[in-house]
């Protein structure tokens, strides 16, 4: 095992030990922080309930469909914003200022247009994911060195070859990084929206456990969500590495683009 993973595991063990000790000390009410052992004992009961599968499906559907819609809008918009200096100066402050606003405040408007069903959760996920993807795409476009574009055009490349051999290798990494960040904020926005108005979803179930004072079950569900989000992030990280490795192999820097 690598030293990094050893440190991570040690940090987790220390955290769980402090959690258990604090909960058992009596300094904190068990209705606020139940012992870690009690929470872990509830995980199997939580994940085997009939409603758990439906909740996972509802949340993942909203997150991934919403993030995909956000990416479909954000990538062309980001490429357009980064393609010209004056467009970047005009649109970049607007995107940053609007992007800094918590998207959950738009949820009532989405409910008016899309209803209280899963469509409004898809909408909030799409809006949340769109901003980091657009910003990263625009920055990636602007990072493409003009000398490379001029050299490719001098060699008589077509527009298709220009995008394939110059733009795509340059923007793929930052764009995938933006997609990873966008998916992360889409998860947060979806779960938060589900705590407000929903009849299914992991966020809805967590707030239901809280309202019934099933605090151990609530913590157990939150741990499952945390682990699931971490696994999704790890999967995306591995996918990005694989895509970049394949991109480096398929596009030989010494190959002619003519």
Protein backbone atom coordinates (compact mmCIF):
# COMPACT_ATOMS: atom_id res chain seq x y z
CA UNK A 1 0.00 0.00 0.00
CA UNK A 2 1.32 3.44 -0.93
CA UNK A 3 2.14 5.98 1.81
CA UNK A 4 -0.64 8.26 0.56
CA UNK A 5 -3.31 5.59 0.95
CA UNK A 6 -1.87 4.64 4.34
CA UNK A 7 -2.23 8.24 5.52
CA UNK A 8 -5.78 8.40 4.17
CA UNK A 9 -6.79 5.21 5.96
CA UNK A 10 -5.12 6.41 9.16
CA UNK A 11 -7.03 9.71 8.94
CA UNK A 12 -10.32 7.82 8.51
CA UNK A 13 -9.57 5.60 11.52
CA UNK A 14 -8.69 8.62 13.67
CA UNK A 15 -11.84 10.43 12.55
CA UNK A 16 -14.06 7.47 13.38
CA UNK A 17 -12.35 7.06 16.74
CA UNK A 18 -12.90 10.71 17.63
CA UNK A 19 -16.53 10.45 16.47
CA UNK A 20 -17.16 7.37 18.63
CA UNK A 21 -15.39 8.86 21.63
CA UNK A 22 -17.22 12.18 21.44
CA UNK A 23 -20.62 10.50 21.05
CA UNK A 24 -19.95 8.14 23.98
CA UNK A 25 -18.60 10.90 26.23
CA UNK A 26 -22.00 12.42 26.85
CA UNK A 27 -20.83 15.86 25.77
CA UNK A 28 -23.14 15.68 22.76
CA UNK A 29 -26.71 14.38 22.76
CA UNK A 30 -27.17 11.14 20.83
CA UNK A 31 -30.03 12.80 18.98
CA UNK A 32 -27.42 15.16 17.53
CA UNK A 33 -24.45 12.81 17.09
CA UNK A 34 -25.13 9.10 17.58
CA UNK A 35 -22.09 6.80 18.02
CA UNK A 36 -20.35 5.71 14.84
CA UNK A 37 -20.89 2.02 15.67
CA UNK A 38 -24.64 2.62 15.94
CA UNK A 39 -24.69 4.46 12.64
CA UNK A 40 -22.73 1.73 10.84
CA UNK A 41 -25.09 -0.89 12.24
CA UNK A 42 -27.98 0.89 10.50
CA UNK A 43 -26.41 0.97 7.02
CA UNK A 44 -27.55 -2.53 6.03
CA UNK A 45 -31.09 -1.80 7.21
CA UNK A 46 -31.17 1.46 5.24
CA UNK A 47 -29.86 0.05 1.95
CA UNK A 48 -32.11 -3.04 2.05
CA UNK A 49 -35.36 -1.12 2.41
CA UNK A 50 -37.61 -1.30 -0.67
CA UNK A 51 -37.59 2.49 -1.03
CA UNK A 52 -33.78 2.70 -1.26
CA UNK A 53 -33.53 1.49 -4.86
CA UNK A 54 -36.18 3.96 -6.02
CA UNK A 55 -34.46 6.79 -4.15
CA UNK A 56 -31.08 5.98 -5.74
CA UNK A 57 -32.64 5.79 -9.20
CA UNK A 58 -34.48 9.11 -8.78
CA UNK A 59 -31.38 10.94 -7.58
CA UNK A 60 -28.99 9.47 -10.16
CA UNK A 61 -31.45 10.08 -12.99
CA UNK A 62 -31.79 13.75 -12.05
CA UNK A 63 -28.03 14.18 -11.58
CA UNK A 64 -26.80 12.51 -14.76
CA UNK A 65 -29.55 13.69 -17.10
CA UNK A 66 -29.28 17.20 -15.70
CA UNK A 67 -25.48 17.24 -15.96
CA UNK A 68 -25.68 15.93 -19.54
CA UNK A 69 -28.14 18.66 -20.52
CA UNK A 70 -25.97 21.26 -18.82
CA UNK A 71 -22.90 20.02 -20.70
CA UNK A 72 -24.70 20.07 -24.05
CA UNK A 73 -25.48 23.73 -23.51
CA UNK A 74 -22.31 24.76 -21.71
CA UNK A 75 -19.65 23.31 -24.04
CA UNK A 76 -20.78 25.20 -27.18
CA UNK A 77 -21.42 28.33 -25.14
CA UNK A 78 -18.00 28.12 -23.48
CA UNK A 79 -16.31 27.54 -26.84
CA UNK A 80 -18.17 30.56 -28.26
CA UNK A 81 -17.23 32.70 -25.26
CA UNK A 82 -13.56 31.78 -25.46
CA UNK A 83 -13.24 32.04 -29.23
CA UNK A 84 -12.89 35.84 -29.35
CA UNK A 85 -11.27 38.30 -26.98
CA UNK A 86 -14.17 40.75 -26.99
CA UNK A 87 -16.70 37.96 -26.37
CA UNK A 88 -14.67 36.75 -23.42
CA UNK A 89 -14.46 40.24 -21.94
CA UNK A 90 -18.20 40.71 -22.42
CA UNK A 91 -19.47 37.36 -21.17
CA UNK A 92 -16.86 36.19 -18.67
CA UNK A 93 -17.83 38.61 -15.83
CA UNK A 94 -21.51 37.81 -16.35
CA UNK A 95 -20.90 34.05 -16.17
CA UNK A 96 -18.73 34.39 -13.07
CA UNK A 97 -21.18 36.65 -11.23
CA UNK A 98 -24.23 34.57 -12.06
CA UNK A 99 -22.30 31.37 -11.43
CA UNK A 100 -21.47 32.50 -7.90
CA UNK A 101 -25.16 32.78 -7.01
CA UNK A 102 -26.51 29.67 -5.20
CA UNK A 103 -28.63 27.93 -7.82
CA UNK A 104 -31.11 26.68 -5.22
CA UNK A 105 -32.73 30.14 -5.17
CA UNK A 106 -33.91 29.41 -8.73
CA UNK A 107 -35.66 26.24 -7.61
CA UNK A 108 -39.05 27.92 -6.96
CA UNK A 109 -38.99 29.25 -10.54
CA UNK A 110 -38.19 25.79 -11.87
CA UNK A 111 -41.09 24.38 -9.86
CA UNK A 112 -43.40 26.91 -11.53
CA UNK A 113 -42.26 25.86 -15.00
CA UNK A 114 -41.46 22.17 -14.51
CA UNK A 115 -43.61 21.14 -11.56
CA UNK A 116 -42.68 19.39 -8.34
CA UNK A 117 -41.64 16.12 -9.99
CA UNK A 118 -38.23 14.93 -11.09
CA UNK A 119 -38.16 17.43 -13.98
CA UNK A 120 -37.42 20.34 -11.62
CA UNK A 121 -34.52 18.37 -10.09
CA UNK A 122 -33.14 17.72 -13.56
CA UNK A 123 -33.42 21.45 -14.22
CA UNK A 124 -31.52 22.50 -11.11
CA UNK A 125 -28.81 19.92 -11.84
CA UNK A 126 -28.47 21.21 -15.42
CA UNK A 127 -28.18 24.83 -14.34
CA UNK A 128 -25.66 24.00 -11.61
CA UNK A 129 -23.47 21.89 -13.89
CA UNK A 130 -23.52 24.31 -16.82
CA UNK A 131 -21.51 27.12 -15.23
CA UNK A 132 -18.26 25.30 -14.29
CA UNK A 133 -18.31 23.43 -17.60
CA UNK A 134 -18.75 26.64 -19.59
CA UNK A 135 -16.00 28.46 -17.68
CA UNK A 136 -13.51 25.61 -18.06
CA UNK A 137 -14.29 25.21 -21.75
CA UNK A 138 -13.81 28.93 -22.39
CA UNK A 139 -10.51 28.96 -20.51
CA UNK A 140 -9.36 25.89 -22.40
CA UNK A 141 -10.14 27.49 -25.76
CA UNK A 142 -8.20 30.59 -24.77
CA UNK A 143 -5.21 28.48 -23.69
CA UNK A 144 -4.77 27.08 -27.20
CA UNK A 145 -1.55 28.68 -28.46
CA UNK A 146 -2.15 30.86 -31.56
CA UNK A 147 1.17 29.71 -33.02
CA UNK A 148 -0.16 26.16 -33.20
CA UNK A 149 -3.30 27.30 -35.02
CA UNK A 150 -1.27 29.43 -37.45
CA UNK A 151 1.18 26.60 -38.08
CA UNK A 152 -1.65 24.16 -38.79
CA UNK A 153 -3.33 26.58 -41.18
CA UNK A 154 -0.03 27.25 -42.93
CA UNK A 155 0.28 23.52 -43.55
CA UNK A 156 -3.09 23.58 -45.29
CA UNK A 157 -5.22 21.79 -42.70
CA UNK A 158 -8.96 21.63 -43.13
CA UNK A 159 -11.28 22.88 -40.39
CA UNK A 160 -11.96 19.29 -39.34
CA UNK A 161 -8.25 18.54 -39.03
CA UNK A 162 -7.71 21.79 -37.14
CA UNK A 163 -10.27 20.81 -34.50
CA UNK A 164 -9.04 17.23 -34.37
CA UNK A 165 -5.30 17.80 -34.12
CA UNK A 166 -5.05 21.23 -32.47
CA UNK A 167 -8.14 22.22 -30.50
CA UNK A 168 -9.31 18.83 -29.21
CA UNK A 169 -6.02 17.73 -27.61
CA UNK A 170 -5.64 21.15 -26.02
CA UNK A 171 -9.10 21.47 -24.49
CA UNK A 172 -9.94 17.84 -23.68
CA UNK A 173 -8.30 17.76 -20.25
CA UNK A 174 -9.72 21.06 -18.90
CA UNK A 175 -13.12 20.31 -20.42
CA UNK A 176 -13.30 16.89 -18.74
CA UNK A 177 -12.15 18.52 -15.51
CA UNK A 178 -14.99 21.00 -15.84
CA UNK A 179 -17.42 18.15 -16.43
CA UNK A 180 -16.16 16.44 -13.28
CA UNK A 181 -16.68 19.62 -11.28
CA UNK A 182 -20.07 20.17 -12.91
CA UNK A 183 -21.23 16.69 -11.94
CA UNK A 184 -20.15 17.35 -8.35
CA UNK A 185 -22.22 20.51 -8.03
CA UNK A 186 -25.11 18.78 -9.82
CA UNK A 187 -25.13 16.12 -7.10
CA UNK A 188 -25.19 18.79 -4.39
CA UNK A 189 -27.95 20.79 -6.05
CA UNK A 190 -30.11 17.74 -6.72
CA UNK A 191 -29.93 16.41 -3.18
CA UNK A 192 -30.60 19.86 -1.76
CA UNK A 193 -33.61 20.29 -4.03
CA UNK A 194 -34.92 16.88 -2.97
CA UNK A 195 -34.98 18.04 0.65
CA UNK A 196 -37.37 20.83 -0.32
CA UNK A 197 -40.02 19.36 -2.62
CA UNK A 198 -39.95 15.67 -3.56
CA UNK A 199 -41.56 12.31 -2.89
CA UNK A 200 -38.46 10.22 -3.65
CA UNK A 201 -34.71 10.59 -3.82
CA UNK A 202 -31.84 10.36 -1.37
CA UNK A 203 -32.22 13.96 -0.23
CA UNK A 204 -35.94 13.43 0.39
CA UNK A 205 -35.24 10.26 2.39
CA UNK A 206 -32.58 11.96 4.53
CA UNK A 207 -34.92 14.79 5.51
CA UNK A 208 -37.69 12.25 6.18
CA UNK A 209 -35.44 10.37 8.61
CA UNK A 210 -34.65 13.68 10.30
CA UNK A 211 -38.33 14.63 10.64
CA UNK A 212 -39.02 11.25 12.30
CA UNK A 213 -36.00 11.66 14.60
CA UNK A 214 -34.39 8.57 13.08
CA UNK A 215 -31.01 10.21 13.44
CA UNK A 216 -28.89 7.06 13.17
CA UNK A 217 -30.66 6.11 9.94
CA UNK A 218 -30.13 9.63 8.62
CA UNK A 219 -26.40 9.51 9.31
CA UNK A 220 -26.20 6.03 7.78
CA UNK A 221 -27.86 7.26 4.59
CA UNK A 222 -25.57 10.28 4.46
CA UNK A 223 -22.55 7.99 4.77
CA UNK A 224 -23.85 5.89 1.88
CA UNK A 225 -24.32 9.05 -0.20
CA UNK A 226 -20.82 10.24 0.69
CA UNK A 227 -19.24 6.92 -0.30
CA UNK A 228 -21.30 6.79 -3.50
CA UNK A 229 -20.27 10.32 -4.48
CA UNK A 230 -16.62 9.48 -3.74
CA UNK A 231 -16.83 6.39 -5.97
CA UNK A 232 -18.40 8.40 -8.79
CA UNK A 233 -15.62 10.99 -8.46
CA UNK A 234 -12.98 8.23 -8.48
CA UNK A 235 -14.56 6.67 -11.56
CA UNK A 236 -14.56 10.01 -13.37
CA UNK A 237 -10.93 10.58 -12.39
CA UNK A 238 -9.92 7.21 -13.84
CA UNK A 239 -12.00 7.89 -16.97
CA UNK A 240 -10.30 11.26 -17.48
CA UNK A 241 -6.86 9.68 -17.09
CA UNK A 242 -7.74 6.97 -19.57
CA UNK A 243 -9.16 9.47 -22.06
CA UNK A 244 -6.08 11.68 -21.81
CA UNK A 245 -3.76 8.68 -22.17
CA UNK A 246 -5.65 7.52 -25.25
CA UNK A 247 -5.61 11.07 -26.63
CA UNK A 248 -1.84 11.30 -26.23
CA UNK A 249 -1.37 7.97 -27.96
CA UNK A 250 -3.82 8.64 -30.82
CA UNK A 251 -2.45 12.11 -31.58
CA UNK A 252 1.27 11.86 -32.23
CA UNK A 253 2.90 15.26 -31.67
CA UNK A 254 5.33 14.57 -34.49
CA UNK A 255 2.61 13.56 -36.95
CA UNK A 256 1.82 15.86 -39.82
CA UNK A 257 -1.69 17.35 -39.86
CA UNK A 258 -1.52 18.17 -43.53
